[in-house]
Protein backbone atom coordinates (compact mmCIF):
# COMPACT_ATOMS: atom_id res chain seq x y z
CA MET A 1 3.44 19.93 2.02
CA SER A 2 6.78 21.52 2.64
CA GLU A 3 9.51 19.82 4.55
CA GLU A 4 9.35 22.79 7.06
CA ILE A 5 5.86 22.11 7.89
CA LEU A 6 6.66 18.29 8.42
CA LYS A 7 9.72 19.12 10.63
CA ASN A 8 7.34 21.17 12.79
CA LYS A 9 4.86 18.39 12.92
CA ILE A 10 7.21 15.41 13.53
CA SER A 11 9.22 15.06 16.71
CA SER A 12 11.75 12.32 17.51
CA GLU A 13 9.33 10.46 19.57
CA ASN A 14 6.93 9.91 16.50
CA LEU A 15 6.80 6.52 14.61
CA LEU A 16 6.30 7.23 10.95
CA ILE A 17 3.96 4.62 9.34
CA PHE A 18 4.05 4.32 5.57
CA ASP A 19 1.41 2.71 3.40
CA LEU A 20 2.91 0.79 0.29
CA ASP A 21 0.46 0.76 -2.65
CA GLY A 22 -0.54 4.19 -3.87
CA THR A 23 1.49 5.98 -1.29
CA LEU A 24 5.16 5.00 -1.46
CA ILE A 25 4.84 3.12 -4.74
CA ASN A 26 2.05 3.37 -7.26
CA THR A 27 1.48 -0.30 -8.30
CA ASP A 28 -2.04 0.21 -9.87
CA GLU A 29 -0.77 -0.62 -13.32
CA VAL A 30 1.19 -3.67 -12.20
CA ASN A 31 -1.94 -4.96 -10.62
CA PHE A 32 -4.18 -4.33 -13.64
CA PHE A 33 -1.91 -5.89 -16.03
CA SER A 34 -1.15 -8.89 -13.91
CA TYR A 35 -4.90 -9.61 -13.46
CA LYS A 36 -5.61 -8.87 -17.17
CA GLU A 37 -3.18 -11.62 -18.16
CA ALA A 38 -4.33 -14.05 -15.61
CA ILE A 39 -8.01 -13.51 -16.78
CA GLN A 40 -6.90 -14.10 -20.18
CA ILE A 41 -5.16 -17.29 -19.31
CA VAL A 42 -8.16 -18.62 -17.25
CA LYS A 43 -11.18 -17.27 -18.93
CA ASN A 44 -9.96 -16.26 -22.35
CA LEU A 45 -11.21 -12.74 -21.79
CA ASP A 46 -9.59 -9.53 -22.87
CA LEU A 47 -10.39 -7.02 -20.31
CA THR A 48 -8.19 -4.04 -21.63
CA CYS A 49 -11.38 -1.89 -21.91
CA LEU A 50 -11.66 -1.81 -17.95
CA TYR A 51 -8.21 -0.19 -17.64
CA SER A 52 -8.51 3.13 -15.70
CA LYS A 53 -5.82 5.27 -14.22
CA ASP A 54 -8.34 6.50 -11.73
CA GLY A 55 -8.81 3.22 -10.00
CA ARG A 56 -7.15 -0.01 -8.76
CA PHE A 57 -8.33 -3.26 -10.09
CA THR A 58 -8.33 -5.75 -7.31
CA ARG A 59 -9.56 -9.39 -6.43
CA GLU A 60 -12.81 -7.70 -5.23
CA ASN A 61 -13.52 -6.64 -8.81
CA LEU A 62 -13.45 -10.16 -10.37
CA TYR A 63 -16.96 -11.38 -9.74
CA SER A 64 -18.44 -8.17 -10.84
CA VAL A 65 -16.67 -8.00 -14.20
CA ILE A 66 -16.63 -11.70 -15.09
CA ASP A 67 -19.88 -13.47 -15.61
CA ASN A 68 -20.24 -16.96 -14.14
CA LEU A 69 -16.84 -16.99 -12.57
CA SER A 70 -16.57 -20.15 -10.26
CA ASN A 71 -14.71 -20.16 -7.00
CA GLN A 72 -12.16 -22.49 -8.51
CA GLU A 73 -11.51 -19.93 -11.51
CA TYR A 74 -11.40 -16.93 -9.08
CA LYS A 75 -8.69 -18.82 -6.91
CA LYS A 76 -6.73 -19.66 -10.22
CA ILE A 77 -6.76 -16.10 -11.47
CA ILE A 78 -5.39 -14.80 -8.15
CA GLU A 79 -2.75 -17.65 -8.19
CA ILE A 80 -1.50 -16.77 -11.72
CA LYS A 81 -1.79 -13.04 -11.07
CA ASN A 82 0.67 -13.47 -8.07
CA GLU A 83 2.99 -15.69 -10.19
CA ILE A 84 3.24 -13.28 -13.08
CA TYR A 85 3.19 -9.97 -10.91
CA TYR A 86 7.04 -9.57 -11.30
CA LYS A 87 6.76 -9.23 -15.11
CA TYR A 88 4.91 -5.86 -14.80
CA LEU A 89 6.91 -4.21 -12.02
CA ASP A 90 8.49 -1.81 -14.60
CA ARG A 91 4.88 -0.40 -14.83
CA SER A 92 5.13 0.76 -11.10
CA ALA A 93 6.26 4.30 -9.98
CA LEU A 94 8.34 5.09 -6.93
CA ASN A 95 7.03 8.31 -5.12
CA SER A 96 10.46 9.81 -4.53
CA TYR A 97 9.16 12.71 -2.73
CA ILE A 98 7.70 10.28 -0.08
CA LEU A 99 10.78 8.22 -0.06
CA ASN A 100 12.99 11.21 0.46
CA ILE A 101 10.79 12.18 3.44
CA LYS A 102 11.11 8.65 4.72
CA ILE A 103 14.85 8.68 4.49
CA LYS A 104 15.34 12.20 5.80
CA PHE A 105 13.24 11.52 8.98
CA SER A 106 14.57 8.01 9.52
CA GLN A 107 17.75 9.67 10.74
CA LYS A 108 15.76 10.46 13.99
CA ASN A 109 12.58 8.47 13.85
CA LYS A 110 11.68 4.85 13.64
CA THR A 111 9.66 3.91 10.57
CA ALA A 112 7.17 1.20 9.83
CA LEU A 113 5.76 -0.19 6.66
CA ALA A 114 1.93 -1.06 7.15
CA THR A 115 0.40 -2.73 4.03
CA ASN A 116 -2.62 -4.70 3.14
CA SER A 117 -0.48 -6.52 0.67
CA HIS A 118 0.62 -10.04 1.19
CA LYS A 119 4.24 -10.40 2.35
CA ASP A 120 5.55 -12.05 -0.75
CA ARG A 121 4.02 -9.65 -3.13
CA ALA A 122 5.13 -6.58 -0.94
CA ASN A 123 8.65 -7.81 -0.71
CA LEU A 124 8.78 -8.28 -4.35
CA VAL A 125 8.09 -4.55 -4.84
CA LEU A 126 10.33 -3.47 -2.01
CA ASP A 127 13.21 -5.58 -3.46
CA TYR A 128 12.62 -4.11 -6.98
CA TYR A 129 13.28 -0.67 -5.62
CA LYS A 130 15.86 -2.07 -3.08
CA ILE A 131 14.10 -0.09 -0.14
CA LYS A 132 13.12 -2.96 2.06
CA LYS A 133 16.04 -2.26 4.47
CA PHE A 134 14.91 1.29 4.99
CA PHE A 135 12.11 0.30 7.41
CA ASN A 136 12.58 -0.60 11.16
CA TYR A 137 9.33 -2.58 11.13
CA ARG A 138 7.34 -4.15 8.33
CA PHE A 139 3.71 -5.26 8.73
CA TYR A 140 2.05 -7.17 5.98
CA LYS A 141 -1.49 -8.49 5.47
CA ASP A 142 -0.38 -11.99 6.50
CA ASP A 143 0.46 -10.66 10.00
CA TYR A 144 -2.91 -9.60 11.21
CA THR A 145 -6.39 -11.16 11.34
CA ASN A 146 -8.54 -8.11 11.67
CA THR A 147 -8.89 -5.58 8.77
CA ASN A 148 -6.98 -2.68 10.53
CA LYS A 149 -3.40 -2.67 9.84
CA PHE A 150 -2.89 0.45 12.15
CA LEU A 151 -4.40 -1.19 15.06
CA HIS A 152 -2.09 -4.09 14.45
CA VAL A 153 0.87 -1.94 14.33
CA ILE A 154 -0.17 -0.09 17.51
CA ASN A 155 -0.82 -3.31 19.54
CA ASN A 156 2.23 -4.98 18.16
CA LEU A 157 4.62 -2.25 19.07
CA SER A 158 2.57 -1.09 22.30
CA LEU A 159 2.56 2.28 20.63
CA ASP A 160 0.68 5.28 21.89
CA PRO A 161 -1.58 6.16 18.92
CA ASN A 162 -0.75 9.90 19.53
CA LEU A 163 3.02 9.23 18.58
CA ALA A 164 1.93 7.70 15.23
CA ILE A 165 2.40 9.83 12.02
CA VAL A 166 0.67 8.01 9.10
CA PHE A 167 1.40 8.45 5.43
CA GLU A 168 -1.63 7.02 3.47
CA ASN A 169 -3.59 7.41 0.24
CA ASP A 170 -6.85 5.51 0.83
CA ASN A 171 -9.72 7.15 2.50
CA ASN A 172 -10.93 3.95 4.09
CA GLU A 173 -7.47 3.15 5.50
CA ILE A 174 -7.46 6.88 6.82
CA LYS A 175 -10.72 6.20 8.67
CA LYS A 176 -9.39 3.01 10.12
CA ALA A 177 -6.21 4.88 11.34
CA ILE A 178 -8.53 7.49 13.07
CA LEU A 179 -10.64 4.44 14.55
CA SER A 180 -7.42 3.13 15.94
CA GLY A 181 -6.84 6.17 18.02
CA ILE A 182 -4.39 8.02 15.62
CA PRO A 183 -5.31 11.83 15.73
CA ASP A 184 -6.62 13.15 12.46
CA LYS A 185 -3.75 15.78 12.65
CA ASN A 186 -1.23 13.00 12.54
CA ILE A 187 -2.28 11.66 9.17
CA ILE A 188 -0.58 12.89 6.02
CA LYS A 189 -2.91 12.16 3.06
CA ILE A 190 -1.33 11.41 -0.27
CA GLN A 191 -3.27 12.28 -3.26
CA ASN A 192 -2.98 12.85 -7.06
CA GLN A 193 0.19 10.95 -7.96
CA GLY A 194 2.05 11.90 -4.69
CA GLU A 195 0.78 15.24 -3.80
CA VAL A 196 0.69 15.57 0.00
CA TYR A 197 -2.10 17.02 2.12
CA VAL A 198 -2.56 17.32 5.76
């Protein structure tokens, strides 16, 4: 999408809401290699064969790929993964195109980060790229109890959903944005390593 189209789509009244993982920064490899090492430590399993550039390995995958995983082992893997995550940050990739859009429009628009990442992990990534200060508002998974980050942003800021412009890569999150009242036309879909589609 050209900046000219975005300029016509975005007015100074709009709040720009950016997702973190997969939209602003690709952290899939960081996540996978952190889990891989944690699983190796806890279960002595090498899961290299599960690596895929087409998908994100998350805690939801643990029970399906590890036989006889106890709840205690599950929690330990997540704990270790979070402790060693920083070691793999060099495997992340900043989407400079999206960052440039964010910087350009932040001259006239307020911006928010809305992520399903926990605050400590998200701030680790934001600090790595020195971009935390670029957001007027930051909303993390720790901030809300429901599963809809967009609804939380709208409610927290008393925002008219029609004024939200969302930058998001995940189809399920896009559906949640629409269910929050954000018009489909206000959602900028990020695909294929940062390509932008409306």
